[in-house]
Amino acid sequence: MRELLHGPHRFNQLREALPGISPHTLASRLRQFERHGIVIRTTYAEIPPRVEYALPPLGEGLRDVLEAMGTWPWRCRIPRPT
C-alpha cells in the first residue's frame, strides 16, 4: 500500500516495487484491500486493457500509519533489509 501513497500504479509497477512478493500473493492482497474499500481498482476500456490501483479517501486515511511504520525501524535502530 505504501507505493500507492505516491499515486495510482499498475499491477506490474507494484510488483516491481515489491521484490520478493509473488504475483499471486500481490493479486490476493489487492483484492482483499479492494473488498475492504482501502484500494480502488480502475479498469480502462482500452486494448490491451489497462488496470490501475489507487487509494480512495479511506486508504489515504492510513497515510500517517504507513509513514510511521516506514520510519519506525530508523527510530529503533533496526537495520533495513537490503
PDB file of N, CA and C in Angstrom:
ATOM      1  N   MET A   1       0.814  -1.196   0.000  1.00  0.00           N
ATOM      2  CA  MET A   1       0.000   0.000   0.000  1.00  0.00           C
ATOM      3  C   MET A   1       0.855   1.256   0.000  1.00  0.00           C
ATOM      4  N   ARG A   2       2.029   1.172   0.582  1.00  0.00           N
ATOM      5  CA  ARG A   2       2.848   2.393   0.653  1.00  0.00           C
ATOM      6  C   ARG A   2       3.172   2.932  -0.727  1.00  0.00           C
ATOM      7  N   GLU A   3       3.289   2.047  -1.722  1.00  0.00           N
ATOM      8  CA  GLU A   3       3.569   2.509  -3.078  1.00  0.00           C
ATOM      9  C   GLU A   3       2.420   3.348  -3.616  1.00  0.00           C
ATOM     10  N   LEU A   4       1.207   3.030  -3.205  1.00  0.00           N
ATOM     11  CA  LEU A   4       0.031   3.759  -3.688  1.00  0.00           C
ATOM     12  C   LEU A   4      -0.089   5.140  -3.048  1.00  0.00           C
ATOM     13  N   LEU A   5       0.690   5.402  -2.012  1.00  0.00           N
ATOM     14  CA  LEU A   5       0.688   6.743  -1.417  1.00  0.00           C
ATOM     15  C   LEU A   5       1.218   7.779  -2.403  1.00  0.00           C
ATOM     16  N   HIS A   6       1.969   7.318  -3.408  1.00  0.00           N
ATOM     17  CA  HIS A   6       2.566   8.222  -4.387  1.00  0.00           C
ATOM     18  C   HIS A   6       1.697   8.381  -5.632  1.00  0.00           C
ATOM     19  N   GLY A   7       0.522   7.758  -5.633  1.00  0.00           N
ATOM     20  CA  GLY A   7      -0.373   7.874  -6.774  1.00  0.00           C
ATOM     21  C   GLY A   7      -0.725   6.510  -7.338  1.00  0.00           C
ATOM     22  N   PRO A   8      -1.613   6.481  -8.327  1.00  0.00           N
ATOM     23  CA  PRO A   8      -2.059   5.224  -8.925  1.00  0.00           C
ATOM     24  C   PRO A   8      -0.895   4.454  -9.554  1.00  0.00           C
ATOM     25  N   HIS A   9      -0.989   3.121  -9.476  1.00  0.00           N
ATOM     26  CA  HIS A   9       0.018   2.248 -10.067  1.00  0.00           C
ATOM     27  C   HIS A   9      -0.668   1.092 -10.777  1.00  0.00           C
ATOM     28  N   ARG A  10      -0.004   0.601 -11.801  1.00  0.00           N
ATOM     29  CA  ARG A  10      -0.458  -0.618 -12.459  1.00  0.00           C
ATOM     30  C   ARG A  10       0.123  -1.812 -11.709  1.00  0.00           C
ATOM     31  N   PHE A  11      -0.450  -2.984 -11.959  1.00  0.00           N
ATOM     32  CA  PHE A  11      -0.058  -4.191 -11.245  1.00  0.00           C
ATOM     33  C   PHE A  11       1.447  -4.439 -11.346  1.00  0.00           C
ATOM     34  N   ASN A  12       1.995  -4.380 -12.562  1.00  0.00           N
ATOM     35  CA  ASN A  12       3.419  -4.666 -12.741  1.00  0.00           C
ATOM     36  C   ASN A  12       4.304  -3.626 -12.066  1.00  0.00           C
ATOM     37  N   GLN A  13       3.859  -2.387 -11.991  1.00  0.00           N
ATOM     38  CA  GLN A  13       4.617  -1.369 -11.268  1.00  0.00           C
ATOM     39  C   GLN A  13       4.697  -1.722  -9.782  1.00  0.00           C
ATOM     40  N   LEU A  14       3.574  -2.181  -9.239  1.00  0.00           N
ATOM     41  CA  LEU A  14       3.567  -2.586  -7.834  1.00  0.00           C
ATOM     42  C   LEU A  14       4.455  -3.800  -7.625  1.00  0.00           C
ATOM     43  N   ARG A  15       4.366  -4.749  -8.532  1.00  0.00           N
ATOM     44  CA  ARG A  15       5.171  -5.972  -8.402  1.00  0.00           C
ATOM     45  C   ARG A  15       6.664  -5.656  -8.448  1.00  0.00           C
ATOM     46  N   GLU A  16       7.068  -4.752  -9.328  1.00  0.00           N
ATOM     47  CA  GLU A  16       8.475  -4.365  -9.422  1.00  0.00           C
ATOM     48  C   GLU A  16       8.940  -3.620  -8.174  1.00  0.00           C
ATOM     49  N   ALA A  17       8.046  -2.862  -7.565  1.00  0.00           N
ATOM     50  CA  ALA A  17       8.403  -2.088  -6.374  1.00  0.00           C
ATOM     51  C   ALA A  17       8.450  -2.944  -5.110  1.00  0.00           C
ATOM     52  N   LEU A  18       7.921  -4.158  -5.201  1.00  0.00           N
ATOM     53  CA  LEU A  18       7.861  -5.042  -4.035  1.00  0.00           C
ATOM     54  C   LEU A  18       8.573  -6.357  -4.338  1.00  0.00           C
ATOM     55  N   PRO A  19       9.905  -6.335  -4.371  1.00  0.00           N
ATOM     56  CA  PRO A  19      10.626  -7.568  -4.697  1.00  0.00           C
ATOM     57  C   PRO A  19      10.347  -8.648  -3.653  1.00  0.00           C
ATOM     58  N   GLY A  20      10.228  -9.866  -4.133  1.00  0.00           N
ATOM     59  CA  GLY A  20      10.014 -10.979  -3.220  1.00  0.00           C
ATOM     60  C   GLY A  20       8.563 -11.389  -3.072  1.00  0.00           C
ATOM     61  N   ILE A  21       7.632 -10.568  -3.533  1.00  0.00           N
ATOM     62  CA  ILE A  21       6.216 -10.936  -3.441  1.00  0.00           C
ATOM     63  C   ILE A  21       5.814 -11.626  -4.747  1.00  0.00           C
ATOM     64  N   SER A  22       5.090 -12.720  -4.618  1.00  0.00           N
ATOM     65  CA  SER A  22       4.665 -13.425  -5.828  1.00  0.00           C
ATOM     66  C   SER A  22       3.464 -12.700  -6.438  1.00  0.00           C
ATOM     67  N   PRO A  23       3.276 -12.848  -7.743  1.00  0.00           N
ATOM     68  CA  PRO A  23       2.110 -12.224  -8.385  1.00  0.00           C
ATOM     69  C   PRO A  23       0.794 -12.692  -7.756  1.00  0.00           C
ATOM     70  N   HIS A  24       0.728 -13.959  -7.377  1.00  0.00           N
ATOM     71  CA  HIS A  24      -0.486 -14.497  -6.757  1.00  0.00           C
ATOM     72  C   HIS A  24      -0.773 -13.802  -5.423  1.00  0.00           C
ATOM     73  N   THR A  25       0.255 -13.648  -4.602  1.00  0.00           N
ATOM     74  CA  THR A  25       0.077 -13.004  -3.296  1.00  0.00           C
ATOM     75  C   THR A  25      -0.305 -11.545  -3.462  1.00  0.00           C
ATOM     76  N   LEU A  26       0.355 -10.838  -4.371  1.00  0.00           N
ATOM     77  CA  LEU A  26       0.035  -9.432  -4.592  1.00  0.00           C
ATOM     78  C   LEU A  26      -1.408  -9.279  -5.061  1.00  0.00           C
ATOM     79  N   ALA A  27      -1.821 -10.097  -6.017  1.00  0.00           N
ATOM     80  CA  ALA A  27      -3.198 -10.022  -6.516  1.00  0.00           C
ATOM     81  C   ALA A  27      -4.195 -10.319  -5.401  1.00  0.00           C
ATOM     82  N   SER A  28      -3.888 -11.294  -4.574  1.00  0.00           N
ATOM     83  CA  SER A  28      -4.767 -11.650  -3.465  1.00  0.00           C
ATOM     84  C   SER A  28      -4.904 -10.489  -2.480  1.00  0.00           C
ATOM     85  N   ARG A  29      -3.785  -9.869  -2.129  1.00  0.00           N
ATOM     86  CA  ARG A  29      -3.814  -8.734  -1.188  1.00  0.00           C
ATOM     87  C   ARG A  29      -4.583  -7.552  -1.782  1.00  0.00           C
ATOM     88  N   LEU A  30      -4.348  -7.274  -3.059  1.00  0.00           N
ATOM     89  CA  LEU A  30      -5.063  -6.161  -3.684  1.00  0.00           C
ATOM     90  C   LEU A  30      -6.564  -6.417  -3.695  1.00  0.00           C
ATOM     91  N   ARG A  31      -6.977  -7.664  -3.957  1.00  0.00           N
ATOM     92  CA  ARG A  31      -8.411  -7.996  -3.915  1.00  0.00           C
ATOM     93  C   ARG A  31      -8.977  -7.806  -2.510  1.00  0.00           C
ATOM     94  N   GLN A  32      -8.224  -8.222  -1.493  1.00  0.00           N
ATOM     95  CA  GLN A  32      -8.680  -8.034  -0.108  1.00  0.00           C
ATOM     96  C   GLN A  32      -8.825  -6.554   0.218  1.00  0.00           C
ATOM     97  N   PHE A  33      -7.813  -5.759  -0.150  1.00  0.00           N
ATOM     98  CA  PHE A  33      -7.889  -4.321   0.109  1.00  0.00           C
ATOM     99  C   PHE A  33      -9.058  -3.691  -0.637  1.00  0.00           C
ATOM    100  N   GLU A  34      -9.303  -4.156  -1.842  1.00  0.00           N
ATOM    101  CA  GLU A  34     -10.424  -3.633  -2.633  1.00  0.00           C
ATOM    102  C   GLU A  34     -11.757  -3.966  -1.960  1.00  0.00           C
ATOM    103  N   ARG A  35     -11.904  -5.186  -1.482  1.00  0.00           N
ATOM    104  CA  ARG A  35     -13.145  -5.583  -0.795  1.00  0.00           C
ATOM    105  C   ARG A  35     -13.414  -4.728   0.443  1.00  0.00           C
ATOM    106  N   HIS A  36     -12.346  -4.324   1.112  1.00  0.00           N
ATOM    107  CA  HIS A  36     -12.486  -3.527   2.332  1.00  0.00           C
ATOM    108  C   HIS A  36     -12.554  -2.027   2.056  1.00  0.00           C
ATOM    109  N   GLY A  37     -12.465  -1.638   0.784  1.00  0.00           N
ATOM    110  CA  GLY A  37     -12.571  -0.225   0.424  1.00  0.00           C
ATOM    111  C   GLY A  37     -11.302   0.565   0.639  1.00  0.00           C
ATOM    112  N   ILE A  38     -10.167  -0.133   0.827  1.00  0.00           N
ATOM    113  CA  ILE A  38      -8.896   0.543   1.070  1.00  0.00           C
ATOM    114  C   ILE A  38      -8.195   0.862  -0.245  1.00  0.00           C
ATOM    115  N   VAL A  39      -8.492   0.098  -1.284  1.00  0.00           N
ATOM    116  CA  VAL A  39      -7.897   0.295  -2.610  1.00  0.00           C
ATOM    117  C   VAL A  39      -9.019   0.323  -3.648  1.00  0.00           C
ATOM    118  N   ILE A  40      -8.862   1.174  -4.650  1.00  0.00           N
ATOM    119  CA  ILE A  40      -9.790   1.229  -5.775  1.00  0.00           C
ATOM    120  C   ILE A  40      -9.083   0.640  -6.992  1.00  0.00           C
ATOM    121  N   ARG A  41      -9.786  -0.236  -7.695  1.00  0.00           N
ATOM    122  CA  ARG A  41      -9.270  -0.831  -8.934  1.00  0.00           C
ATOM    123  C   ARG A  41     -10.051  -0.219 -10.082  1.00  0.00           C
ATOM    124  N   THR A  42      -9.352   0.425 -11.008  1.00  0.00           N
ATOM    125  CA  THR A  42      -9.986   1.053 -12.160  1.00  0.00           C
ATOM    126  C   THR A  42      -9.527   0.344 -13.420  1.00  0.00           C
ATOM    127  N   THR A  43     -10.491  -0.137 -14.197  1.00  0.00           N
ATOM    128  CA  THR A  43     -10.207  -0.800 -15.458  1.00  0.00           C
ATOM    129  C   THR A  43     -10.580   0.144 -16.593  1.00  0.00           C
ATOM    130  N   TYR A  44      -9.651   0.358 -17.502  1.00  0.00           N
ATOM    131  CA  TYR A  44      -9.881   1.234 -18.647  1.00  0.00           C
ATOM    132  C   TYR A  44     -10.196   0.386 -19.873  1.00  0.00           C
ATOM    133  N   ALA A  45     -11.199   0.813 -20.621  1.00  0.00           N
ATOM    134  CA  ALA A  45     -11.628   0.086 -21.825  1.00  0.00           C
ATOM    135  C   ALA A  45     -10.687   0.413 -22.971  1.00  0.00           C
ATOM    136  N   GLU A  46      -9.517  -0.188 -22.921  1.00  0.00           N
ATOM    137  CA  GLU A  46      -8.507   0.012 -23.950  1.00  0.00           C
ATOM    138  C   GLU A  46      -8.035  -1.358 -24.420  1.00  0.00           C
ATOM    139  N   ILE A  47      -7.334  -1.366 -25.523  1.00  0.00           N
ATOM    140  CA  ILE A  47      -6.732  -2.604 -25.994  1.00  0.00           C
ATOM    141  C   ILE A  47      -5.227  -2.364 -26.072  1.00  0.00           C
ATOM    142  N   PRO A  48      -4.427  -3.071 -25.305  1.00  0.00           N
ATOM    143  CA  PRO A  48      -4.815  -4.043 -24.284  1.00  0.00           C
ATOM    144  C   PRO A  48      -5.431  -3.328 -23.073  1.00  0.00           C
ATOM    145  N   PRO A  49      -6.220  -4.057 -22.285  1.00  0.00           N
ATOM    146  CA  PRO A  49      -6.853  -3.455 -21.108  1.00  0.00           C
ATOM    147  C   PRO A  49      -5.801  -2.913 -20.139  1.00  0.00           C
ATOM    148  N   ARG A  50      -6.147  -1.817 -19.514  1.00  0.00           N
ATOM    149  CA  ARG A  50      -5.252  -1.205 -18.527  1.00  0.00           C
ATOM    150  C   ARG A  50      -5.990  -1.156 -17.200  1.00  0.00           C
ATOM    151  N   VAL A  51      -5.324  -1.586 -16.139  1.00  0.00           N
ATOM    152  CA  VAL A  51      -5.905  -1.582 -14.796  1.00  0.00           C
ATOM    153  C   VAL A  51      -4.966  -0.804 -13.890  1.00  0.00           C
ATOM    154  N   GLU A  52      -5.527   0.100 -13.099  1.00  0.00           N
ATOM    155  CA  GLU A  52      -4.740   0.863 -12.132  1.00  0.00           C
ATOM    156  C   GLU A  52      -5.340   0.703 -10.751  1.00  0.00           C
ATOM    157  N   TYR A  53      -4.466   0.742  -9.773  1.00  0.00           N
ATOM    158  CA  TYR A  53      -4.871   0.671  -8.371  1.00  0.00           C
ATOM    159  C   TYR A  53      -4.520   2.000  -7.725  1.00  0.00           C
ATOM    160  N   ALA A  54      -5.439   2.502  -6.897  1.00  0.00           N
ATOM    161  CA  ALA A  54      -5.233   3.786  -6.232  1.00  0.00           C
ATOM    162  C   ALA A  54      -5.874   3.737  -4.854  1.00  0.00           C
ATOM    163  N   LEU A  55      -5.531   4.723  -4.036  1.00  0.00           N
ATOM    164  CA  LEU A  55      -6.108   4.820  -2.705  1.00  0.00           C
ATOM    165  C   LEU A  55      -7.294   5.780  -2.713  1.00  0.00           C
ATOM    166  N   PRO A  56      -8.453   5.334  -2.254  1.00  0.00           N
ATOM    167  CA  PRO A  56      -9.578   6.245  -2.059  1.00  0.00           C
ATOM    168  C   PRO A  56      -9.373   6.989  -0.737  1.00  0.00           C
ATOM    169  N   PRO A  57     -10.285   7.858  -0.334  1.00  0.00           N
ATOM    170  CA  PRO A  57     -10.126   8.567   0.938  1.00  0.00           C
ATOM    171  C   PRO A  57      -9.902   7.628   2.143  1.00  0.00           C
ATOM    172  N   LEU A  58     -10.578   6.479   2.156  1.00  0.00           N
ATOM    173  CA  LEU A  58     -10.379   5.542   3.273  1.00  0.00           C
ATOM    174  C   LEU A  58      -8.932   5.050   3.313  1.00  0.00           C
ATOM    175  N   GLY A  59      -8.371   4.717   2.162  1.00  0.00           N
ATOM    176  CA  GLY A  59      -6.979   4.280   2.097  1.00  0.00           C
ATOM    177  C   GLY A  59      -6.015   5.409   2.420  1.00  0.00           C
ATOM    178  N   GLU A  60      -6.332   6.617   1.959  1.00  0.00           N
ATOM    179  CA  GLU A  60      -5.492   7.783   2.252  1.00  0.00           C
ATOM    180  C   GLU A  60      -5.449   8.041   3.757  1.00  0.00           C
ATOM    181  N   GLY A  61      -6.523   7.659   4.452  1.00  0.00           N
ATOM    182  CA  GLY A  61      -6.570   7.827   5.901  1.00  0.00           C
ATOM    183  C   GLY A  61      -5.514   7.016   6.626  1.00  0.00           C
ATOM    184  N   LEU A  62      -4.930   6.041   5.937  1.00  0.00           N
ATOM    185  CA  LEU A  62      -3.875   5.219   6.538  1.00  0.00           C
ATOM    186  C   LEU A  62      -2.481   5.799   6.299  1.00  0.00           C
ATOM    187  N   ARG A  63      -2.409   6.941   5.623  1.00  0.00           N
ATOM    188  CA  ARG A  63      -1.111   7.541   5.280  1.00  0.00           C
ATOM    189  C   ARG A  63      -0.222   7.705   6.511  1.00  0.00           C
ATOM    190  N   ASP A  64      -0.744   8.305   7.574  1.00  0.00           N
ATOM    191  CA  ASP A  64       0.076   8.543   8.768  1.00  0.00           C
ATOM    192  C   ASP A  64       0.576   7.238   9.373  1.00  0.00           C
ATOM    193  N   VAL A  65      -0.277   6.223   9.392  1.00  0.00           N
ATOM    194  CA  VAL A  65       0.107   4.922   9.943  1.00  0.00           C
ATOM    195  C   VAL A  65       1.219   4.296   9.101  1.00  0.00           C
ATOM    196  N   LEU A  66       1.041   4.297   7.781  1.00  0.00           N
ATOM    197  CA  LEU A  66       2.032   3.698   6.892  1.00  0.00           C
ATOM    198  C   LEU A  66       3.366   4.436   6.948  1.00  0.00           C
ATOM    199  N   GLU A  67       3.311   5.762   7.009  1.00  0.00           N
ATOM    200  CA  GLU A  67       4.553   6.529   7.099  1.00  0.00           C
ATOM    201  C   GLU A  67       5.249   6.279   8.429  1.00  0.00           C
ATOM    202  N   ALA A  68       4.481   6.167   9.516  1.00  0.00           N
ATOM    203  CA  ALA A  68       5.073   5.876  10.823  1.00  0.00           C
ATOM    204  C   ALA A  68       5.724   4.492  10.822  1.00  0.00           C
ATOM    205  N   MET A  69       5.067   3.525  10.177  1.00  0.00           N
ATOM    206  CA  MET A  69       5.650   2.186  10.099  1.00  0.00           C
ATOM    207  C   MET A  69       6.946   2.206   9.293  1.00  0.00           C
ATOM    208  N   GLY A  70       7.008   3.061   8.289  1.00  0.00           N
ATOM    209  CA  GLY A  70       8.212   3.150   7.468  1.00  0.00           C
ATOM    210  C   GLY A  70       9.391   3.779   8.196  1.00  0.00           C
ATOM    211  N   THR A  71       9.131   4.666   9.141  1.00  0.00           N
ATOM    212  CA  THR A  71      10.217   5.325   9.870  1.00  0.00           C
ATOM    213  C   THR A  71      10.546   4.633  11.183  1.00  0.00           C
ATOM    214  N   TRP A  72       9.692   3.747  11.637  1.00  0.00           N
ATOM    215  CA  TRP A  72       9.902   3.083  12.925  1.00  0.00           C
ATOM    216  C   TRP A  72      11.251   2.375  13.034  1.00  0.00           C
ATOM    217  N   PRO A  73      11.694   1.609  12.015  1.00  0.00           N
ATOM    218  CA  PRO A  73      12.995   0.941  12.149  1.00  0.00           C
ATOM    219  C   PRO A  73      14.150   1.923  12.381  1.00  0.00           C
ATOM    220  N   TRP A  74      14.065   3.102  11.761  1.00  0.00           N
ATOM    221  CA  TRP A  74      15.126   4.097  11.939  1.00  0.00           C
ATOM    222  C   TRP A  74      15.126   4.639  13.357  1.00  0.00           C
ATOM    223  N   ARG A  75      13.940   4.849  13.892  1.00  0.00           N
ATOM    224  CA  ARG A  75      13.855   5.370  15.262  1.00  0.00           C
ATOM    225  C   ARG A  75      14.323   4.336  16.272  1.00  0.00           C
ATOM    226  N   CYS A  76      14.152   3.080  15.944  1.00  0.00           N
ATOM    227  CA  CYS A  76      14.530   1.991  16.871  1.00  0.00           C
ATOM    228  C   CYS A  76      15.881   1.380  16.510  1.00  0.00           C
ATOM    229  N   ARG A  77      16.549   1.962  15.526  1.00  0.00           N
ATOM    230  CA  ARG A  77      17.853   1.500  15.071  1.00  0.00           C
ATOM    231  C   ARG A  77      17.858   0.061  14.587  1.00  0.00           C
ATOM    232  N   ILE A  78      16.783  -0.317  13.924  1.00  0.00           N
ATOM    233  CA  ILE A  78      16.685  -1.640  13.314  1.00  0.00           C
ATOM    234  C   ILE A  78      17.136  -1.495  11.865  1.00  0.00           C
ATOM    235  N   PRO A  79      18.132  -2.279  11.431  1.00  0.00           N
ATOM    236  CA  PRO A  79      18.601  -2.133  10.045  1.00  0.00           C
ATOM    237  C   PRO A  79      17.539  -2.527   9.041  1.00  0.00           C
ATOM    238  N   ARG A  80      17.459  -1.759   7.968  1.00  0.00           N
ATOM    239  CA  ARG A  80      16.523  -2.079   6.891  1.00  0.00           C
ATOM    240  C   ARG A  80      17.059  -3.257   6.080  1.00  0.00           C
ATOM    241  N   PRO A  81      16.165  -4.117   5.614  1.00  0.00           N
ATOM    242  CA  PRO A  81      16.634  -5.233   4.770  1.00  0.00           C
ATOM    243  C   PRO A  81      17.175  -4.701   3.449  1.00  0.00           C
ATOM    244  N   THR A  82      18.148  -5.408   2.897  1.00  0.00           N
ATOM    245  CA  THR A  82      18.731  -4.966   1.622  1.00  0.00           C
ATOM    246  C   THR A  82      18.196  -5.795   0.488  1.00  0.00           C
TER     247      THR A  82
END
